Every structure is written in structure tokens, then in C-alpha cells.
Amino acid sequence: MTKMLVGNVTDIDRKGSRTFKYNDIEIALFRLSNGEVLAVENKCPHKGGALSEGMVCGTKVHCPLHDWKIDLHSGVVQEPDTGCVITFDVEVDPNSGSVYLTV
């Protein structure tokens, strides 16, 4: 596992996202309304919609294609739909605001 600096918490608007590529995986970083930063694979398991373009509501992101709701902590799709996306560990340095991702 590799821990890498991916930006600063101020680079991500609250309820917003930022994306970047690591090897062949596009990753979406989300900043929740409470300031928490979470990361998931930027691809809905249903039809591959870009989750970074979806609306964040609480701890879930709504896929912009068909409104599937994906929990940003676990990656699990909300019932009655099924599926899961890859999640990544995120650390925010409380002093500098630097965001680190473990891949």
C-alpha cells in the first residue's frame, strides 16, 4: 500500500469533489458538509457513471445517470439496487490541511 499526497482540503468545495487517476483507476475525492474527506472509485457499478458528477447528500453520492445512491464510507449501493465501489483510506493533516490517500 502506498500513501500519497493528493492535494489540500481547501481544493475541494464542501459537498463537492475532485478527481485524479492512479494507474488505471479514476478516483473521486468528496468533501462532506461536515468537512470529512472520502474517496471512492469514480465509476458507478450500474452503468459506469462518473460519481464525481453526482450530488452528495449526507454520506451518499447519487449517480448522475440513474440516481443510484452509494455510501461513501463503505462503497455499498443503497437497496433496492445492489453493488459496490472500491473505497480508499483518506487522511487529512489537521495542521496543514494536506490530503493523503492510501492506494
PDB file of N, CA and C in Angstrom:
ATOM      1  N   MET A   1       0.839  -1.183   0.000  1.00  0.00           N
ATOM      2  CA  MET A   1       0.000   0.000   0.000  1.00  0.00           C
ATOM      3  C   MET A   1       0.883   1.245   0.000  1.00  0.00           C
ATOM      4  N   THR A   2       0.424   2.255  -0.729  1.00  0.00           N
ATOM      5  CA  THR A   2       1.175   3.491  -0.865  1.00  0.00           C
ATOM      6  C   THR A   2       0.327   4.657  -0.362  1.00  0.00           C
ATOM      7  N   LYS A   3       0.937   5.500   0.463  1.00  0.00           N
ATOM      8  CA  LYS A   3       0.273   6.704   0.947  1.00  0.00           C
ATOM      9  C   LYS A   3       0.820   7.873   0.133  1.00  0.00           C
ATOM     10  N   MET A   4      -0.077   8.620  -0.513  1.00  0.00           N
ATOM     11  CA  MET A   4       0.386   9.703  -1.364  1.00  0.00           C
ATOM     12  C   MET A   4      -0.395  10.982  -1.129  1.00  0.00           C
ATOM     13  N   LEU A   5       0.293  12.099  -1.261  1.00  0.00           N
ATOM     14  CA  LEU A   5      -0.321  13.416  -1.140  1.00  0.00           C
ATOM     15  C   LEU A   5      -1.116  13.687  -2.411  1.00  0.00           C
ATOM     16  N   VAL A   6      -2.400  14.051  -2.257  1.00  0.00           N
ATOM     17  CA  VAL A   6      -3.244  14.292  -3.427  1.00  0.00           C
ATOM     18  C   VAL A   6      -3.792  15.720  -3.487  1.00  0.00           C
ATOM     19  N   GLY A   7      -3.469  16.539  -2.500  1.00  0.00           N
ATOM     20  CA  GLY A   7      -3.931  17.920  -2.534  1.00  0.00           C
ATOM     21  C   GLY A   7      -4.161  18.463  -1.151  1.00  0.00           C
ATOM     22  N   ASN A   8      -4.928  19.546  -1.090  1.00  0.00           N
ATOM     23  CA  ASN A   8      -5.274  20.187   0.166  1.00  0.00           C
ATOM     24  C   ASN A   8      -6.784  20.187   0.309  1.00  0.00           C
ATOM     25  N   VAL A   9      -7.239  20.097   1.533  1.00  0.00           N
ATOM     26  CA  VAL A   9      -8.678  20.036   1.783  1.00  0.00           C
ATOM     27  C   VAL A   9      -9.397  21.257   1.201  1.00  0.00           C
ATOM     28  N   THR A  10      -8.722  22.400   1.131  1.00  0.00           N
ATOM     29  CA  THR A  10      -9.348  23.597   0.573  1.00  0.00           C
ATOM     30  C   THR A  10      -9.526  23.518  -0.940  1.00  0.00           C
ATOM     31  N   ASP A  11      -8.904  22.516  -1.584  1.00  0.00           N
ATOM     32  CA  ASP A  11      -9.074  22.319  -3.025  1.00  0.00           C
ATOM     33  C   ASP A  11     -10.433  21.705  -3.364  1.00  0.00           C
ATOM     34  N   ILE A  12     -11.123  21.193  -2.351  1.00  0.00           N
ATOM     35  CA  ILE A  12     -12.404  20.508  -2.571  1.00  0.00           C
ATOM     36  C   ILE A  12     -13.506  21.301  -1.871  1.00  0.00           C
ATOM     37  N   ASP A  13     -14.483  21.786  -2.619  1.00  0.00           N
ATOM     38  CA  ASP A  13     -15.611  22.504  -2.027  1.00  0.00           C
ATOM     39  C   ASP A  13     -16.412  21.553  -1.142  1.00  0.00           C
ATOM     40  N   ARG A  14     -17.036  22.088  -0.097  1.00  0.00           N
ATOM     41  CA  ARG A  14     -17.942  21.260   0.711  1.00  0.00           C
ATOM     42  C   ARG A  14     -19.067  20.764  -0.195  1.00  0.00           C
ATOM     43  N   LYS A  15     -19.384  19.488  -0.062  1.00  0.00           N
ATOM     44  CA  LYS A  15     -20.363  18.788  -0.902  1.00  0.00           C
ATOM     45  C   LYS A  15     -19.900  18.701  -2.344  1.00  0.00           C
ATOM     46  N   GLY A  16     -18.596  18.882  -2.567  1.00  0.00           N
ATOM     47  CA  GLY A  16     -18.044  18.824  -3.911  1.00  0.00           C
ATOM     48  C   GLY A  16     -17.060  17.679  -4.053  1.00  0.00           C
ATOM     49  N   SER A  17     -16.418  17.611  -5.214  1.00  0.00           N
ATOM     50  CA  SER A  17     -15.481  16.515  -5.471  1.00  0.00           C
ATOM     51  C   SER A  17     -14.333  16.978  -6.350  1.00  0.00           C
ATOM     52  N   ARG A  18     -13.302  16.182  -6.371  1.00  0.00           N
ATOM     53  CA  ARG A  18     -12.153  16.334  -7.258  1.00  0.00           C
ATOM     54  C   ARG A  18     -11.766  14.938  -7.710  1.00  0.00           C
ATOM     55  N   THR A  19     -11.224  14.820  -8.911  1.00  0.00           N
ATOM     56  CA  THR A  19     -10.823  13.504  -9.409  1.00  0.00           C
ATOM     57  C   THR A  19      -9.350  13.508  -9.785  1.00  0.00           C
ATOM     58  N   PHE A  20      -8.782  12.307  -9.786  1.00  0.00           N
ATOM     59  CA  PHE A  20      -7.436  12.114 -10.302  1.00  0.00           C
ATOM     60  C   PHE A  20      -7.285  10.649 -10.647  1.00  0.00           C
ATOM     61  N   LYS A  21      -6.280  10.355 -11.452  1.00  0.00           N
ATOM     62  CA  LYS A  21      -6.025   8.973 -11.880  1.00  0.00           C
ATOM     63  C   LYS A  21      -4.835   8.407 -11.132  1.00  0.00           C
ATOM     64  N   TYR A  22      -4.963   7.157 -10.731  1.00  0.00           N
ATOM     65  CA  TYR A  22      -3.854   6.408 -10.154  1.00  0.00           C
ATOM     66  C   TYR A  22      -3.794   5.088 -10.917  1.00  0.00           C
ATOM     67  N   ASN A  23      -2.714   4.880 -11.652  1.00  0.00           N
ATOM     68  CA  ASN A  23      -2.615   3.731 -12.566  1.00  0.00           C
ATOM     69  C   ASN A  23      -3.820   3.757 -13.499  1.00  0.00           C
ATOM     70  N   ASP A  24      -4.646   2.724 -13.502  1.00  0.00           N
ATOM     71  CA  ASP A  24      -5.800   2.683 -14.405  1.00  0.00           C
ATOM     72  C   ASP A  24      -7.116   3.023 -13.716  1.00  0.00           C
ATOM     73  N   ILE A  25      -7.047   3.509 -12.482  1.00  0.00           N
ATOM     74  CA  ILE A  25      -8.267   3.781 -11.716  1.00  0.00           C
ATOM     75  C   ILE A  25      -8.468   5.286 -11.579  1.00  0.00           C
ATOM     76  N   GLU A  26      -9.666   5.754 -11.954  1.00  0.00           N
ATOM     77  CA  GLU A  26     -10.009   7.146 -11.671  1.00  0.00           C
ATOM     78  C   GLU A  26     -10.654   7.173 -10.289  1.00  0.00           C
ATOM     79  N   ILE A  27     -10.159   8.064  -9.444  1.00  0.00           N
ATOM     80  CA  ILE A  27     -10.613   8.160  -8.056  1.00  0.00           C
ATOM     81  C   ILE A  27     -11.278   9.510  -7.846  1.00  0.00           C
ATOM     82  N   ALA A  28     -12.399   9.491  -7.122  1.00  0.00           N
ATOM     83  CA  ALA A  28     -13.105  10.725  -6.779  1.00  0.00           C
ATOM     84  C   ALA A  28     -12.958  10.975  -5.284  1.00  0.00           C
ATOM     85  N   LEU A  29     -12.490  12.167  -4.932  1.00  0.00           N
ATOM     86  CA  LEU A  29     -12.431  12.613  -3.544  1.00  0.00           C
ATOM     87  C   LEU A  29     -13.643  13.492  -3.288  1.00  0.00           C
ATOM     88  N   PHE A  30     -14.358  13.233  -2.215  1.00  0.00           N
ATOM     89  CA  PHE A  30     -15.539  14.011  -1.853  1.00  0.00           C
ATOM     90  C   PHE A  30     -15.310  14.669  -0.497  1.00  0.00           C
ATOM     91  N   ARG A  31     -15.756  15.903  -0.380  1.00  0.00           N
ATOM     92  CA  ARG A  31     -15.713  16.594   0.915  1.00  0.00           C
ATOM     93  C   ARG A  31     -17.151  16.785   1.374  1.00  0.00           C
ATOM     94  N   LEU A  32     -17.483  16.134   2.487  1.00  0.00           N
ATOM     95  CA  LEU A  32     -18.844  16.192   3.011  1.00  0.00           C
ATOM     96  C   LEU A  32     -19.105  17.536   3.682  1.00  0.00           C
ATOM     97  N   SER A  33     -20.363  17.802   3.990  1.00  0.00           N
ATOM     98  CA  SER A  33     -20.729  19.080   4.617  1.00  0.00           C
ATOM     99  C   SER A  33     -20.076  19.244   5.980  1.00  0.00           C
ATOM    100  N   ASN A  34     -19.731  18.136   6.656  1.00  0.00           N
ATOM    101  CA  ASN A  34     -19.066  18.222   7.960  1.00  0.00           C
ATOM    102  C   ASN A  34     -17.547  18.359   7.826  1.00  0.00           C
ATOM    103  N   GLY A  35     -17.036  18.419   6.582  1.00  0.00           N
ATOM    104  CA  GLY A  35     -15.613  18.588   6.339  1.00  0.00           C
ATOM    105  C   GLY A  35     -14.850  17.299   6.112  1.00  0.00           C
ATOM    106  N   GLU A  36     -15.467  16.163   6.401  1.00  0.00           N
ATOM    107  CA  GLU A  36     -14.804  14.869   6.197  1.00  0.00           C
ATOM    108  C   GLU A  36     -14.518  14.653   4.709  1.00  0.00           C
ATOM    109  N   VAL A  37     -13.365  14.072   4.408  1.00  0.00           N
ATOM    110  CA  VAL A  37     -12.996  13.777   3.023  1.00  0.00           C
ATOM    111  C   VAL A  37     -12.958  12.267   2.831  1.00  0.00           C
ATOM    112  N   LEU A  38     -13.646  11.783   1.795  1.00  0.00           N
ATOM    113  CA  LEU A  38     -13.728  10.359   1.489  1.00  0.00           C
ATOM    114  C   LEU A  38     -13.383  10.136   0.024  1.00  0.00           C
ATOM    115  N   ALA A  39     -12.942   8.926  -0.299  1.00  0.00           N
ATOM    116  CA  ALA A  39     -12.536   8.635  -1.676  1.00  0.00           C
ATOM    117  C   ALA A  39     -13.099   7.290  -2.128  1.00  0.00           C
ATOM    118  N   VAL A  40     -13.587   7.271  -3.366  1.00  0.00           N
ATOM    119  CA  VAL A  40     -14.110   6.045  -3.984  1.00  0.00           C
ATOM    120  C   VAL A  40     -13.690   6.014  -5.446  1.00  0.00           C
ATOM    121  N   GLU A  41     -13.779   4.830  -6.013  1.00  0.00           N
ATOM    122  CA  GLU A  41     -13.583   4.714  -7.455  1.00  0.00           C
ATOM    123  C   GLU A  41     -14.667   5.541  -8.138  1.00  0.00           C
ATOM    124  N   ASN A  42     -14.296   6.302  -9.145  1.00  0.00           N
ATOM    125  CA  ASN A  42     -15.212   7.233  -9.795  1.00  0.00           C
ATOM    126  C   ASN A  42     -16.034   6.552 -10.889  1.00  0.00           C
ATOM    127  N   LYS A  43     -16.709   5.468 -10.514  1.00  0.00           N
ATOM    128  CA  LYS A  43     -17.438   4.694 -11.525  1.00  0.00           C
ATOM    129  C   LYS A  43     -18.577   3.926 -10.851  1.00  0.00           C
ATOM    130  N   CYS A  44     -19.793   4.285 -11.187  1.00  0.00           N
ATOM    131  CA  CYS A  44     -20.955   3.586 -10.638  1.00  0.00           C
ATOM    132  C   CYS A  44     -20.958   2.135 -11.125  1.00  0.00           C
ATOM    133  N   PRO A  45     -21.274   1.183 -10.241  1.00  0.00           N
ATOM    134  CA  PRO A  45     -21.278  -0.221 -10.668  1.00  0.00           C
ATOM    135  C   PRO A  45     -22.422  -0.570 -11.620  1.00  0.00           C
ATOM    136  N   HIS A  46     -23.395   0.304 -11.763  1.00  0.00           N
ATOM    137  CA  HIS A  46     -24.541   0.034 -12.621  1.00  0.00           C
ATOM    138  C   HIS A  46     -24.193   0.234 -14.092  1.00  0.00           C
ATOM    139  N   LYS A  47     -23.897   1.458 -14.499  1.00  0.00           N
ATOM    140  CA  LYS A  47     -23.619   1.758 -15.906  1.00  0.00           C
ATOM    141  C   LYS A  47     -22.341   2.575 -16.080  1.00  0.00           C
ATOM    142  N   GLY A  48     -21.528   2.650 -15.012  1.00  0.00           N
ATOM    143  CA  GLY A  48     -20.241   3.325 -15.120  1.00  0.00           C
ATOM    144  C   GLY A  48     -20.291   4.837 -15.057  1.00  0.00           C
ATOM    145  N   GLY A  49     -21.388   5.406 -14.556  1.00  0.00           N
ATOM    146  CA  GLY A  49     -21.496   6.862 -14.454  1.00  0.00           C
ATOM    147  C   GLY A  49     -20.408   7.449 -13.569  1.00  0.00           C
ATOM    148  N   ALA A  50     -19.976   8.656 -13.876  1.00  0.00           N
ATOM    149  CA  ALA A  50     -18.939   9.342 -13.097  1.00  0.00           C
ATOM    150  C   ALA A  50     -19.547   9.859 -11.796  1.00  0.00           C
ATOM    151  N   LEU A  51     -19.212   9.209 -10.693  1.00  0.00           N
ATOM    152  CA  LEU A  51     -19.783   9.580  -9.402  1.00  0.00           C
ATOM    153  C   LEU A  51     -19.403  10.999  -8.999  1.00  0.00           C
ATOM    154  N   SER A  52     -18.247  11.474  -9.471  1.00  0.00           N
ATOM    155  CA  SER A  52     -17.802  12.833  -9.146  1.00  0.00           C
ATOM    156  C   SER A  52     -18.763  13.891  -9.681  1.00  0.00           C
ATOM    157  N   GLU A  53     -19.612  13.515 -10.627  1.00  0.00           N
ATOM    158  CA  GLU A  53     -20.593  14.439 -11.190  1.00  0.00           C
ATOM    159  C   GLU A  53     -21.942  14.341 -10.492  1.00  0.00           C
ATOM    160  N   GLY A  54     -22.033  13.442  -9.505  1.00  0.00           N
ATOM    161  CA  GLY A  54     -23.283  13.252  -8.785  1.00  0.00           C
ATOM    162  C   GLY A  54     -23.434  14.219  -7.624  1.00  0.00           C
ATOM    163  N   MET A  55     -24.631  14.240  -7.056  1.00  0.00           N
ATOM    164  CA  MET A  55     -24.929  15.100  -5.922  1.00  0.00           C
ATOM    165  C   MET A  55     -24.624  14.362  -4.622  1.00  0.00           C
ATOM    166  N   VAL A  56     -23.936  15.042  -3.712  1.00  0.00           N
ATOM    167  CA  VAL A  56     -23.637  14.480  -2.397  1.00  0.00           C
ATOM    168  C   VAL A  56     -24.764  14.873  -1.461  1.00  0.00           C
ATOM    169  N   CYS A  57     -25.308  13.867  -0.783  1.00  0.00           N
ATOM    170  CA  CYS A  57     -26.386  14.097   0.176  1.00  0.00           C
ATOM    171  C   CYS A  57     -26.054  13.300   1.432  1.00  0.00           C
ATOM    172  N   GLY A  58     -25.679  13.987   2.476  1.00  0.00           N
ATOM    173  CA  GLY A  58     -25.233  13.294   3.693  1.00  0.00           C
ATOM    174  C   GLY A  58     -23.929  12.580   3.416  1.00  0.00           C
ATOM    175  N   THR A  59     -23.926  11.246   3.600  1.00  0.00           N
ATOM    176  CA  THR A  59     -22.723  10.445   3.346  1.00  0.00           C
ATOM    177  C   THR A  59     -22.866   9.608   2.082  1.00  0.00           C
ATOM    178  N   LYS A  60     -23.820   9.985   1.239  1.00  0.00           N
ATOM    179  CA  LYS A  60     -24.048   9.247  -0.004  1.00  0.00           C
ATOM    180  C   LYS A  60     -23.853  10.158  -1.203  1.00  0.00           C
ATOM    181  N   VAL A  61     -23.464   9.546  -2.319  1.00  0.00           N
ATOM    182  CA  VAL A  61     -23.424  10.259  -3.587  1.00  0.00           C
ATOM    183  C   VAL A  61     -24.460   9.613  -4.492  1.00  0.00           C
ATOM    184  N   HIS A  62     -25.190  10.439  -5.222  1.00  0.00           N
ATOM    185  CA  HIS A  62     -26.218   9.966  -6.149  1.00  0.00           C
ATOM    186  C   HIS A  62     -25.596   9.926  -7.537  1.00  0.00           C
ATOM    187  N   CYS A  63     -25.583   8.746  -8.165  1.00  0.00           N
ATOM    188  CA  CYS A  63     -25.038   8.623  -9.511  1.00  0.00           C
ATOM    189  C   CYS A  63     -25.836   9.530 -10.445  1.00  0.00           C
ATOM    190  N   PRO A  64     -25.150  10.315 -11.282  1.00  0.00           N
ATOM    191  CA  PRO A  64     -25.862  11.247 -12.165  1.00  0.00           C
ATOM    192  C   PRO A  64     -26.646  10.565 -13.287  1.00  0.00           C
ATOM    193  N   LEU A  65     -26.374   9.296 -13.567  1.00  0.00           N
ATOM    194  CA  LEU A  65     -27.078   8.627 -14.663  1.00  0.00           C
ATOM    195  C   LEU A  65     -28.446   8.107 -14.255  1.00  0.00           C
ATOM    196  N   HIS A  66     -28.514   7.330 -13.166  1.00  0.00           N
ATOM    197  CA  HIS A  66     -29.783   6.689 -12.807  1.00  0.00           C
ATOM    198  C   HIS A  66     -30.115   6.825 -11.323  1.00  0.00           C
ATOM    199  N   ASP A  67     -29.454   7.771 -10.651  1.00  0.00           N
ATOM    200  CA  ASP A  67     -29.751   8.106  -9.253  1.00  0.00           C
ATOM    201  C   ASP A  67     -29.504   6.964  -8.263  1.00  0.00           C
ATOM    202  N   TRP A  68     -28.606   6.039  -8.599  1.00  0.00           N
ATOM    203  CA  TRP A  68     -28.230   5.048  -7.603  1.00  0.00           C
ATOM    204  C   TRP A  68     -27.513   5.775  -6.479  1.00  0.00           C
ATOM    205  N   LYS A  69     -27.769   5.367  -5.238  1.00  0.00           N
ATOM    206  CA  LYS A  69     -27.170   6.013  -4.080  1.00  0.00           C
ATOM    207  C   LYS A  69     -26.062   5.115  -3.525  1.00  0.00           C
ATOM    208  N   ILE A  70     -24.850   5.686  -3.420  1.00  0.00           N
ATOM    209  CA  ILE A  70     -23.687   4.912  -2.981  1.00  0.00           C
ATOM    210  C   ILE A  70     -23.135   5.527  -1.711  1.00  0.00           C
ATOM    211  N   ASP A  71     -22.992   4.699  -0.673  1.00  0.00           N
ATOM    212  CA  ASP A  71     -22.438   5.155   0.595  1.00  0.00           C
ATOM    213  C   ASP A  71     -20.943   5.415   0.419  1.00  0.00           C
ATOM    214  N   LEU A  72     -20.503   6.619   0.743  1.00  0.00           N
ATOM    215  CA  LEU A  72     -19.108   6.988   0.540  1.00  0.00           C
ATOM    216  C   LEU A  72     -18.164   6.373   1.576  1.00  0.00           C
ATOM    217  N   HIS A  73     -18.698   5.905   2.702  1.00  0.00           N
ATOM    218  CA  HIS A  73     -17.854   5.226   3.695  1.00  0.00           C
ATOM    219  C   HIS A  73     -17.574   3.779   3.293  1.00  0.00           C
ATOM    220  N   SER A  74     -18.609   3.075   2.887  1.00  0.00           N
ATOM    221  CA  SER A  74     -18.488   1.633   2.624  1.00  0.00           C
ATOM    222  C   SER A  74     -18.386   1.291   1.138  1.00  0.00           C
ATOM    223  N   GLY A  75     -18.867   2.172   0.276  1.00  0.00           N
ATOM    224  CA  GLY A  75     -18.912   1.885  -1.157  1.00  0.00           C
ATOM    225  C   GLY A  75     -20.134   1.082  -1.574  1.00  0.00           C
ATOM    226  N   VAL A  76     -20.984   0.726  -0.635  1.00  0.00           N
ATOM    227  CA  VAL A  76     -22.145  -0.121  -0.904  1.00  0.00           C
ATOM    228  C   VAL A  76     -23.299   0.710  -1.481  1.00  0.00           C
ATOM    229  N   VAL A  77     -23.948   0.144  -2.495  1.00  0.00           N
ATOM    230  CA  VAL A  77     -25.110   0.766  -3.126  1.00  0.00           C
ATOM    231  C   VAL A  77     -26.327   0.552  -2.232  1.00  0.00           C
ATOM    232  N   GLN A  78     -27.154   1.589  -2.124  1.00  0.00           N
ATOM    233  CA  GLN A  78     -28.355   1.507  -1.296  1.00  0.00           C
ATOM    234  C   GLN A  78     -29.414   0.635  -1.952  1.00  0.00           C
ATOM    235  N   GLU A  79     -30.082  -0.186  -1.147  1.00  0.00           N
ATOM    236  CA  GLU A  79     -31.182  -1.034  -1.634  1.00  0.00           C
ATOM    237  C   GLU A  79     -32.309  -0.163  -2.165  1.00  0.00           C
ATOM    238  N   PRO A  80     -33.073  -0.629  -3.132  1.00  0.00           N
ATOM    239  CA  PRO A  80     -33.164  -1.989  -3.632  1.00  0.00           C
ATOM    240  C   PRO A  80     -32.097  -2.330  -4.668  1.00  0.00           C
ATOM    241  N   ASP A  81     -31.271  -1.353  -5.068  1.00  0.00           N
ATOM    242  CA  ASP A  81     -30.202  -1.630  -6.018  1.00  0.00           C
ATOM    243  C   ASP A  81     -29.075  -2.371  -5.298  1.00  0.00           C
ATOM    244  N   THR A  82     -28.196  -3.002  -6.055  1.00  0.00           N
ATOM    245  CA  THR A  82     -27.098  -3.747  -5.444  1.00  0.00           C
ATOM    246  C   THR A  82     -25.792  -3.449  -6.162  1.00  0.00           C
ATOM    247  N   GLY A  83     -24.722  -3.590  -5.439  1.00  0.00           N
ATOM    248  CA  GLY A  83     -23.399  -3.384  -6.000  1.00  0.00           C
ATOM    249  C   GLY A  83     -22.499  -2.691  -5.002  1.00  0.00           C
ATOM    250  N   CYS A  84     -21.281  -2.435  -5.434  1.00  0.00           N
ATOM    251  CA  CYS A  84     -20.297  -1.826  -4.547  1.00  0.00           C
ATOM    252  C   CYS A  84     -19.205  -1.186  -5.386  1.00  0.00           C
ATOM    253  N   VAL A  85     -18.609  -0.108  -4.874  1.00  0.00           N
ATOM    254  CA  VAL A  85     -17.443   0.516  -5.497  1.00  0.00           C
ATOM    255  C   VAL A  85     -16.269   0.405  -4.528  1.00  0.00           C
ATOM    256  N   ILE A  86     -15.075   0.516  -5.064  1.00  0.00           N
ATOM    257  CA  ILE A  86     -13.865   0.475  -4.249  1.00  0.00           C
ATOM    258  C   ILE A  86     -13.766   1.771  -3.451  1.00  0.00           C
ATOM    259  N   THR A  87     -13.427   1.648  -2.165  1.00  0.00           N
ATOM    260  CA  THR A  87     -13.177   2.816  -1.328  1.00  0.00           C
ATOM    261  C   THR A  87     -11.690   2.878  -0.999  1.00  0.00           C
ATOM    262  N   PHE A  88     -11.225   4.059  -0.636  1.00  0.00           N
ATOM    263  CA  PHE A  88      -9.820   4.273  -0.308  1.00  0.00           C
ATOM    264  C   PHE A  88      -9.711   5.017   1.013  1.00  0.00           C
ATOM    265  N   ASP A  89      -8.685   4.693   1.799  1.00  0.00           N
ATOM    266  CA  ASP A  89      -8.438   5.389   3.058  1.00  0.00           C
ATOM    267  C   ASP A  89      -7.905   6.785   2.770  1.00  0.00           C
ATOM    268  N   VAL A  90      -8.439   7.764   3.490  1.00  0.00           N
ATOM    269  CA  VAL A  90      -8.038   9.160   3.335  1.00  0.00           C
ATOM    270  C   VAL A  90      -7.643   9.705   4.695  1.00  0.00           C
ATOM    271  N   GLU A  91      -6.572  10.497   4.719  1.00  0.00           N
ATOM    272  CA  GLU A  91      -6.134  11.195   5.928  1.00  0.00           C
ATOM    273  C   GLU A  91      -5.998  12.668   5.597  1.00  0.00           C
ATOM    274  N   VAL A  92      -6.485  13.523   6.483  1.00  0.00           N
ATOM    275  CA  VAL A  92      -6.301  14.964   6.334  1.00  0.00           C
ATOM    276  C   VAL A  92      -5.447  15.433   7.500  1.00  0.00           C
ATOM    277  N   ASP A  93      -4.310  16.048   7.202  1.00  0.00           N
ATOM    278  CA  ASP A  93      -3.433  16.583   8.243  1.00  0.00           C
ATOM    279  C   ASP A  93      -4.142  17.776   8.871  1.00  0.00           C
ATOM    280  N   PRO A  94      -4.422  17.721  10.185  1.00  0.00           N
ATOM    281  CA  PRO A  94      -5.179  18.801  10.823  1.00  0.00           C
ATOM    282  C   PRO A  94      -4.435  20.140  10.855  1.00  0.00           C
ATOM    283  N   ASN A  95      -3.127  20.109  10.740  1.00  0.00           N
ATOM    284  CA  ASN A  95      -2.346  21.350  10.781  1.00  0.00           C
ATOM    285  C   ASN A  95      -2.237  22.011   9.416  1.00  0.00           C
ATOM    286  N   SER A  96      -1.935  21.232   8.397  1.00  0.00           N
ATOM    287  CA  SER A  96      -1.697  21.808   7.068  1.00  0.00           C
ATOM    288  C   SER A  96      -2.895  21.697   6.135  1.00  0.00           C
ATOM    289  N   GLY A  97      -3.824  20.767   6.423  1.00  0.00           N
ATOM    290  CA  GLY A  97      -4.947  20.519   5.518  1.00  0.00           C
ATOM    291  C   GLY A  97      -4.576  19.623   4.349  1.00  0.00           C
ATOM    292  N   SER A  98      -3.344  19.092   4.354  1.00  0.00           N
ATOM    293  CA  SER A  98      -2.928  18.186   3.275  1.00  0.00           C
ATOM    294  C   SER A  98      -3.765  16.922   3.308  1.00  0.00           C
ATOM    295  N   VAL A  99      -4.144  16.456   2.116  1.00  0.00           N
ATOM    296  CA  VAL A  99      -4.976  15.252   1.986  1.00  0.00           C
ATOM    297  C   VAL A  99      -4.094  14.135   1.443  1.00  0.00           C
ATOM    298  N   TYR A 100      -4.070  13.013   2.178  1.00  0.00           N
ATOM    299  CA  TYR A 100      -3.300  11.836   1.776  1.00  0.00           C
ATOM    300  C   TYR A 100      -4.241  10.687   1.498  1.00  0.00           C
ATOM    301  N   LEU A 101      -3.950   9.952   0.453  1.00  0.00           N
ATOM    302  CA  LEU A 101      -4.753   8.812   0.038  1.00  0.00           C
ATOM    303  C   LEU A 101      -3.881   7.570   0.078  1.00  0.00           C
ATOM    304  N   THR A 102      -4.422   6.477   0.613  1.00  0.00           N
ATOM    305  CA  THR A 102      -3.709   5.205   0.612  1.00  0.00           C
ATOM    306  C   THR A 102      -4.278   4.331  -0.493  1.00  0.00           C
ATOM    307  N   VAL A 103      -3.403   3.950  -1.426  1.00  0.00           N
ATOM    308  CA  VAL A 103      -3.824   3.115  -2.559  1.00  0.00           C
ATOM    309  C   VAL A 103      -3.037   1.828  -2.583  1.00  0.00           C
TER     310      VAL A 103
END
